[in-house]
Amino acid sequence: MGFAVVNPLHDDAAEDLERAAELPGIRALKMVPTGWYPYDDCAHRVYEVAARLDLPILFHSGIFIDGRSGRF
């Protein structure tokens, strides 16, 4: 299963998700909360698109590739 990954801090994140969802094999969304929190308004714009497109959301949590830990 393919996952789209978008950064909700980018102004075009919701539109990027819509375009990514059209690609073959994309069936879900992965969110990596670094520099933003899942309750931030910017993330809700992306959630609305994911809900409309019926895409499940996976949140990356724990230690990131750069060794930093996320709050969630």
PDB file of N, CA and C in Angstrom:
ATOM      1  N   MET A   1       0.852  -1.174   0.000  1.00  0.00           N
ATOM      2  CA  MET A   1       0.000   0.000   0.000  1.00  0.00           C
ATOM      3  C   MET A   1       0.888   1.222   0.000  1.00  0.00           C
ATOM      4  N   GLY A   2       0.579   2.173  -0.866  1.00  0.00           N
ATOM      5  CA  GLY A   2       1.342   3.406  -0.936  1.00  0.00           C
ATOM      6  C   GLY A   2       0.759   4.479  -0.031  1.00  0.00           C
ATOM      7  N   PHE A   3       1.637   5.227   0.595  1.00  0.00           N
ATOM      8  CA  PHE A   3       1.250   6.331   1.464  1.00  0.00           C
ATOM      9  C   PHE A   3       1.723   7.645   0.860  1.00  0.00           C
ATOM     10  N   ALA A   4       0.854   8.628   0.819  1.00  0.00           N
ATOM     11  CA  ALA A   4       1.257   9.991   0.498  1.00  0.00           C
ATOM     12  C   ALA A   4       1.800  10.607   1.782  1.00  0.00           C
ATOM     13  N   VAL A   5       2.787  11.469   1.644  1.00  0.00           N
ATOM     14  CA  VAL A   5       3.327  12.206   2.793  1.00  0.00           C
ATOM     15  C   VAL A   5       3.313  13.679   2.425  1.00  0.00           C
ATOM     16  N   VAL A   6       2.623  14.476   3.222  1.00  0.00           N
ATOM     17  CA  VAL A   6       2.600  15.919   2.993  1.00  0.00           C
ATOM     18  C   VAL A   6       2.939  16.625   4.290  1.00  0.00           C
ATOM     19  N   ASN A   7       3.452  17.831   4.167  1.00  0.00           N
ATOM     20  CA  ASN A   7       3.781  18.651   5.324  1.00  0.00           C
ATOM     21  C   ASN A   7       2.711  19.728   5.445  1.00  0.00           C
ATOM     22  N   PRO A   8       1.876  19.677   6.488  1.00  0.00           N
ATOM     23  CA  PRO A   8       0.788  20.650   6.608  1.00  0.00           C
ATOM     24  C   PRO A   8       1.251  22.087   6.795  1.00  0.00           C
ATOM     25  N   LEU A   9       2.532  22.292   7.080  1.00  0.00           N
ATOM     26  CA  LEU A   9       3.044  23.653   7.196  1.00  0.00           C
ATOM     27  C   LEU A   9       3.148  24.337   5.841  1.00  0.00           C
ATOM     28  N   HIS A  10       3.177  23.553   4.767  1.00  0.00           N
ATOM     29  CA  HIS A  10       3.222  24.125   3.422  1.00  0.00           C
ATOM     30  C   HIS A  10       1.825  24.557   3.004  1.00  0.00           C
ATOM     31  N   ASP A  11       1.709  25.721   2.431  1.00  0.00           N
ATOM     32  CA  ASP A  11       0.410  26.267   2.041  1.00  0.00           C
ATOM     33  C   ASP A  11      -0.361  25.360   1.093  1.00  0.00           C
ATOM     34  N   ASP A  12       0.342  24.609   0.258  1.00  0.00           N
ATOM     35  CA  ASP A  12      -0.301  23.757  -0.750  1.00  0.00           C
ATOM     36  C   ASP A  12      -0.475  22.311  -0.292  1.00  0.00           C
ATOM     37  N   ALA A  13      -0.342  22.029   0.989  1.00  0.00           N
ATOM     38  CA  ALA A  13      -0.366  20.644   1.476  1.00  0.00           C
ATOM     39  C   ALA A  13      -1.664  19.926   1.114  1.00  0.00           C
ATOM     40  N   ALA A  14      -2.801  20.572   1.290  1.00  0.00           N
ATOM     41  CA  ALA A  14      -4.079  19.920   0.980  1.00  0.00           C
ATOM     42  C   ALA A  14      -4.176  19.606  -0.513  1.00  0.00           C
ATOM     43  N   GLU A  15      -3.755  20.535  -1.343  1.00  0.00           N
ATOM     44  CA  GLU A  15      -3.771  20.308  -2.790  1.00  0.00           C
ATOM     45  C   GLU A  15      -2.757  19.231  -3.178  1.00  0.00           C
ATOM     46  N   ASP A  16      -1.605  19.217  -2.512  1.00  0.00           N
ATOM     47  CA  ASP A  16      -0.606  18.182  -2.780  1.00  0.00           C
ATOM     48  C   ASP A  16      -1.177  16.803  -2.472  1.00  0.00           C
ATOM     49  N   LEU A  17      -1.938  16.693  -1.396  1.00  0.00           N
ATOM     50  CA  LEU A  17      -2.551  15.411  -1.052  1.00  0.00           C
ATOM     51  C   LEU A  17      -3.553  14.989  -2.122  1.00  0.00           C
ATOM     52  N   GLU A  18      -4.337  15.929  -2.599  1.00  0.00           N
ATOM     53  CA  GLU A  18      -5.301  15.591  -3.657  1.00  0.00           C
ATOM     54  C   GLU A  18      -4.581  15.061  -4.893  1.00  0.00           C
ATOM     55  N   ARG A  19      -3.493  15.701  -5.277  1.00  0.00           N
ATOM     56  CA  ARG A  19      -2.731  15.236  -6.452  1.00  0.00           C
ATOM     57  C   ARG A  19      -2.089  13.878  -6.188  1.00  0.00           C
ATOM     58  N   ALA A  20      -1.531  13.703  -5.001  1.00  0.00           N
ATOM     59  CA  ALA A  20      -0.882  12.429  -4.662  1.00  0.00           C
ATOM     60  C   ALA A  20      -1.891  11.281  -4.658  1.00  0.00           C
ATOM     61  N   ALA A  21      -3.107  11.551  -4.204  1.00  0.00           N
ATOM     62  CA  ALA A  21      -4.130  10.504  -4.128  1.00  0.00           C
ATOM     63  C   ALA A  21      -4.531   9.990  -5.505  1.00  0.00           C
ATOM     64  N   GLU A  22      -4.249  10.751  -6.543  1.00  0.00           N
ATOM     65  CA  GLU A  22      -4.554  10.320  -7.912  1.00  0.00           C
ATOM     66  C   GLU A  22      -3.497   9.370  -8.464  1.00  0.00           C
ATOM     67  N   LEU A  23      -2.348   9.280  -7.817  1.00  0.00           N
ATOM     68  CA  LEU A  23      -1.271   8.408  -8.292  1.00  0.00           C
ATOM     69  C   LEU A  23      -1.623   6.942  -8.032  1.00  0.00           C
ATOM     70  N   PRO A  24      -1.202   6.057  -8.926  1.00  0.00           N
ATOM     71  CA  PRO A  24      -1.494   4.636  -8.729  1.00  0.00           C
ATOM     72  C   PRO A  24      -0.896   4.112  -7.417  1.00  0.00           C
ATOM     73  N   GLY A  25      -1.682   3.372  -6.675  1.00  0.00           N
ATOM     74  CA  GLY A  25      -1.198   2.718  -5.464  1.00  0.00           C
ATOM     75  C   GLY A  25      -1.292   3.528  -4.188  1.00  0.00           C
ATOM     76  N   ILE A  26      -1.556   4.829  -4.273  1.00  0.00           N
ATOM     77  CA  ILE A  26      -1.671   5.648  -3.056  1.00  0.00           C
ATOM     78  C   ILE A  26      -3.022   5.359  -2.411  1.00  0.00           C
ATOM     79  N   ARG A  27      -2.980   4.837  -1.187  1.00  0.00           N
ATOM     80  CA  ARG A  27      -4.207   4.434  -0.496  1.00  0.00           C
ATOM     81  C   ARG A  27      -4.337   5.012   0.904  1.00  0.00           C
ATOM     82  N   ALA A  28      -3.323   5.780   1.355  1.00  0.00           N
ATOM     83  CA  ALA A  28      -3.337   6.301   2.723  1.00  0.00           C
ATOM     84  C   ALA A  28      -2.433   7.526   2.805  1.00  0.00           C
ATOM     85  N   LEU A  29      -2.450   8.157   3.961  1.00  0.00           N
ATOM     86  CA  LEU A  29      -1.655   9.357   4.233  1.00  0.00           C
ATOM     87  C   LEU A  29      -0.798   9.099   5.455  1.00  0.00           C
ATOM     88  N   LYS A  30       0.482   9.445   5.372  1.00  0.00           N
ATOM     89  CA  LYS A  30       1.374   9.383   6.527  1.00  0.00           C
ATOM     90  C   LYS A  30       1.717  10.808   6.918  1.00  0.00           C
ATOM     91  N   MET A  31       1.556  11.113   8.185  1.00  0.00           N
ATOM     92  CA  MET A  31       1.854  12.443   8.711  1.00  0.00           C
ATOM     93  C   MET A  31       3.029  12.313   9.682  1.00  0.00           C
ATOM     94  N   VAL A  32       3.985  13.226   9.563  1.00  0.00           N
ATOM     95  CA  VAL A  32       5.169  13.220  10.420  1.00  0.00           C
ATOM     96  C   VAL A  32       5.174  14.532  11.203  1.00  0.00           C
ATOM     97  N   PRO A  33       4.634  14.524  12.432  1.00  0.00           N
ATOM     98  CA  PRO A  33       4.503  15.777  13.188  1.00  0.00           C
ATOM     99  C   PRO A  33       5.825  16.285  13.748  1.00  0.00           C
ATOM    100  N   THR A  34       6.568  16.957  12.893  1.00  0.00           N
ATOM    101  CA  THR A  34       7.798  17.607  13.319  1.00  0.00           C
ATOM    102  C   THR A  34       7.702  19.069  12.894  1.00  0.00           C
ATOM    103  N   GLY A  35       7.697  19.957  13.864  1.00  0.00           N
ATOM    104  CA  GLY A  35       7.518  21.382  13.594  1.00  0.00           C
ATOM    105  C   GLY A  35       6.064  21.803  13.633  1.00  0.00           C
ATOM    106  N   TRP A  36       5.167  20.863  13.846  1.00  0.00           N
ATOM    107  CA  TRP A  36       3.724  21.125  13.956  1.00  0.00           C
ATOM    108  C   TRP A  36       3.123  20.033  14.847  1.00  0.00           C
ATOM    109  N   TYR A  37       1.933  20.281  15.339  1.00  0.00           N
ATOM    110  CA  TYR A  37       1.240  19.313  16.184  1.00  0.00           C
ATOM    111  C   TYR A  37      -0.037  18.843  15.493  1.00  0.00           C
ATOM    112  N   PRO A  38      -0.472  17.628  15.767  1.00  0.00           N
ATOM    113  CA  PRO A  38      -1.671  17.110  15.104  1.00  0.00           C
ATOM    114  C   PRO A  38      -2.937  17.940  15.331  1.00  0.00           C
ATOM    115  N   TYR A  39      -2.965  18.759  16.353  1.00  0.00           N
ATOM    116  CA  TYR A  39      -4.154  19.592  16.607  1.00  0.00           C
ATOM    117  C   TYR A  39      -4.045  20.980  15.965  1.00  0.00           C
ATOM    118  N   ASP A  40      -2.947  21.286  15.287  1.00  0.00           N
ATOM    119  CA  ASP A  40      -2.784  22.591  14.648  1.00  0.00           C
ATOM    120  C   ASP A  40      -3.768  22.780  13.495  1.00  0.00           C
ATOM    121  N   ASP A  41      -4.194  24.021  13.308  1.00  0.00           N
ATOM    122  CA  ASP A  41      -5.145  24.331  12.227  1.00  0.00           C
ATOM    123  C   ASP A  41      -4.632  23.900  10.861  1.00  0.00           C
ATOM    124  N   CYS A  42      -3.331  24.065  10.628  1.00  0.00           N
ATOM    125  CA  CYS A  42      -2.788  23.694   9.314  1.00  0.00           C
ATOM    126  C   CYS A  42      -3.016  22.223   9.014  1.00  0.00           C
ATOM    127  N   ALA A  43      -2.970  21.375  10.022  1.00  0.00           N
ATOM    128  CA  ALA A  43      -3.176  19.940   9.816  1.00  0.00           C
ATOM    129  C   ALA A  43      -4.638  19.630   9.506  1.00  0.00           C
ATOM    130  N   HIS A  44      -5.545  20.400  10.054  1.00  0.00           N
ATOM    131  CA  HIS A  44      -6.978  20.131   9.833  1.00  0.00           C
ATOM    132  C   HIS A  44      -7.373  20.309   8.371  1.00  0.00           C
ATOM    133  N   ARG A  45      -6.698  21.196   7.653  1.00  0.00           N
ATOM    134  CA  ARG A  45      -6.979  21.330   6.208  1.00  0.00           C
ATOM    135  C   ARG A  45      -6.647  20.029   5.485  1.00  0.00           C
ATOM    136  N   VAL A  46      -5.566  19.388   5.889  1.00  0.00           N
ATOM    137  CA  VAL A  46      -5.164  18.119   5.278  1.00  0.00           C
ATOM    138  C   VAL A  46      -6.122  17.007   5.698  1.00  0.00           C
ATOM    139  N   TYR A  47      -6.526  16.989   6.971  1.00  0.00           N
ATOM    140  CA  TYR A  47      -7.473  15.970   7.446  1.00  0.00           C
ATOM    141  C   TYR A  47      -8.779  16.025   6.661  1.00  0.00           C
ATOM    142  N   GLU A  48      -9.242  17.233   6.357  1.00  0.00           N
ATOM    143  CA  GLU A  48     -10.499  17.365   5.612  1.00  0.00           C
ATOM    144  C   GLU A  48     -10.404  16.702   4.248  1.00  0.00           C
ATOM    145  N   VAL A  49      -9.284  16.879   3.582  1.00  0.00           N
ATOM    146  CA  VAL A  49      -9.094  16.247   2.269  1.00  0.00           C
ATOM    147  C   VAL A  49      -8.998  14.733   2.441  1.00  0.00           C
ATOM    148  N   ALA A  50      -8.244  14.266   3.421  1.00  0.00           N
ATOM    149  CA  ALA A  50      -8.110  12.829   3.657  1.00  0.00           C
ATOM    150  C   ALA A  50      -9.468  12.199   3.951  1.00  0.00           C
ATOM    151  N   ALA A  51     -10.287  12.872   4.725  1.00  0.00           N
ATOM    152  CA  ALA A  51     -11.621  12.344   5.032  1.00  0.00           C
ATOM    153  C   ALA A  51     -12.478  12.272   3.775  1.00  0.00           C
ATOM    154  N   ARG A  52     -12.446  13.321   2.981  1.00  0.00           N
ATOM    155  CA  ARG A  52     -13.247  13.346   1.746  1.00  0.00           C
ATOM    156  C   ARG A  52     -12.812  12.244   0.789  1.00  0.00           C
ATOM    157  N   LEU A  53     -11.509  11.964   0.747  1.00  0.00           N
ATOM    158  CA  LEU A  53     -10.978  10.948  -0.159  1.00  0.00           C
ATOM    159  C   LEU A  53     -10.960   9.554   0.474  1.00  0.00           C
ATOM    160  N   ASP A  54     -11.427   9.458   1.716  1.00  0.00           N
ATOM    161  CA  ASP A  54     -11.485   8.187   2.450  1.00  0.00           C
ATOM    162  C   ASP A  54     -10.097   7.558   2.599  1.00  0.00           C
ATOM    163  N   LEU A  55      -9.108   8.398   2.915  1.00  0.00           N
ATOM    164  CA  LEU A  55      -7.740   7.932   3.116  1.00  0.00           C
ATOM    165  C   LEU A  55      -7.464   7.783   4.614  1.00  0.00           C
ATOM    166  N   PRO A  56      -7.085   6.599   5.072  1.00  0.00           N
ATOM    167  CA  PRO A  56      -6.663   6.470   6.472  1.00  0.00           C
ATOM    168  C   PRO A  56      -5.391   7.275   6.703  1.00  0.00           C
ATOM    169  N   ILE A  57      -5.175   7.687   7.951  1.00  0.00           N
ATOM    170  CA  ILE A  57      -3.993   8.482   8.298  1.00  0.00           C
ATOM    171  C   ILE A  57      -3.155   7.720   9.311  1.00  0.00           C
ATOM    172  N   LEU A  58      -1.859   7.616   9.019  1.00  0.00           N
ATOM    173  CA  LEU A  58      -0.889   7.037   9.935  1.00  0.00           C
ATOM    174  C   LEU A  58       0.003   8.169  10.426  1.00  0.00           C
ATOM    175  N   PHE A  59       0.180   8.267  11.730  1.00  0.00           N
ATOM    176  CA  PHE A  59       1.081   9.270  12.292  1.00  0.00           C
ATOM    177  C   PHE A  59       2.390   8.608  12.693  1.00  0.00           C
ATOM    178  N   HIS A  60       3.498   9.163  12.204  1.00  0.00           N
ATOM    179  CA  HIS A  60       4.814   8.700  12.627  1.00  0.00           C
ATOM    180  C   HIS A  60       5.028   9.223  14.044  1.00  0.00           C
ATOM    181  N   SER A  61       5.491   8.366  14.915  1.00  0.00           N
ATOM    182  CA  SER A  61       5.774   8.815  16.278  1.00  0.00           C
ATOM    183  C   SER A  61       7.087   8.188  16.727  1.00  0.00           C
ATOM    184  N   GLY A  62       7.624   8.722  17.795  1.00  0.00           N
ATOM    185  CA  GLY A  62       8.872   8.183  18.316  1.00  0.00           C
ATOM    186  C   GLY A  62      10.069   8.961  17.832  1.00  0.00           C
ATOM    187  N   ILE A  63      11.133   8.249  17.504  1.00  0.00           N
ATOM    188  CA  ILE A  63      12.393   8.867  17.123  1.00  0.00           C
ATOM    189  C   ILE A  63      12.415   9.063  15.610  1.00  0.00           C
ATOM    190  N   PHE A  64      12.802  10.254  15.183  1.00  0.00           N
ATOM    191  CA  PHE A  64      12.881  10.573  13.772  1.00  0.00           C
ATOM    192  C   PHE A  64      14.256  10.206  13.224  1.00  0.00           C
ATOM    193  N   ILE A  65      14.390  10.267  11.918  1.00  0.00           N
ATOM    194  CA  ILE A  65      15.634   9.876  11.252  1.00  0.00           C
ATOM    195  C   ILE A  65      16.822  10.724  11.719  1.00  0.00           C
ATOM    196  N   ASP A  66      16.552  11.959  12.149  1.00  0.00           N
ATOM    197  CA  ASP A  66      17.649  12.811  12.610  1.00  0.00           C
ATOM    198  C   ASP A  66      17.962  12.587  14.097  1.00  0.00           C
ATOM    199  N   GLY A  67      17.303  11.611  14.712  1.00  0.00           N
ATOM    200  CA  GLY A  67      17.571  11.272  16.103  1.00  0.00           C
ATOM    201  C   GLY A  67      16.745  12.030  17.120  1.00  0.00           C
ATOM    202  N   ARG A  68      16.003  13.058  16.660  1.00  0.00           N
ATOM    203  CA  ARG A  68      15.141  13.794  17.578  1.00  0.00           C
ATOM    204  C   ARG A  68      13.888  12.982  17.874  1.00  0.00           C
ATOM    205  N   SER A  69      13.299  13.191  19.025  1.00  0.00           N
ATOM    206  CA  SER A  69      12.049  12.527  19.373  1.00  0.00           C
ATOM    207  C   SER A  69      10.887  13.474  19.175  1.00  0.00           C
ATOM    208  N   GLY A  70       9.763  12.937  18.719  1.00  0.00           N
ATOM    209  CA  GLY A  70       8.557  13.717  18.575  1.00  0.00           C
ATOM    210  C   GLY A  70       7.757  13.690  19.859  1.00  0.00           C
ATOM    211  N   ARG A  71       6.915  14.687  20.025  1.00  0.00           N
ATOM    212  CA  ARG A  71       6.063  14.736  21.208  1.00  0.00           C
ATOM    213  C   ARG A  71       4.959  13.699  21.111  1.00  0.00           C
ATOM    214  N   PHE A  72       4.517  13.386  19.899  1.00  0.00           N
ATOM    215  CA  PHE A  72       3.414  12.447  19.707  1.00  0.00           C
ATOM    216  C   PHE A  72       3.933  11.144  19.156  1.00  0.00           C
TER     217      PHE A  72
END
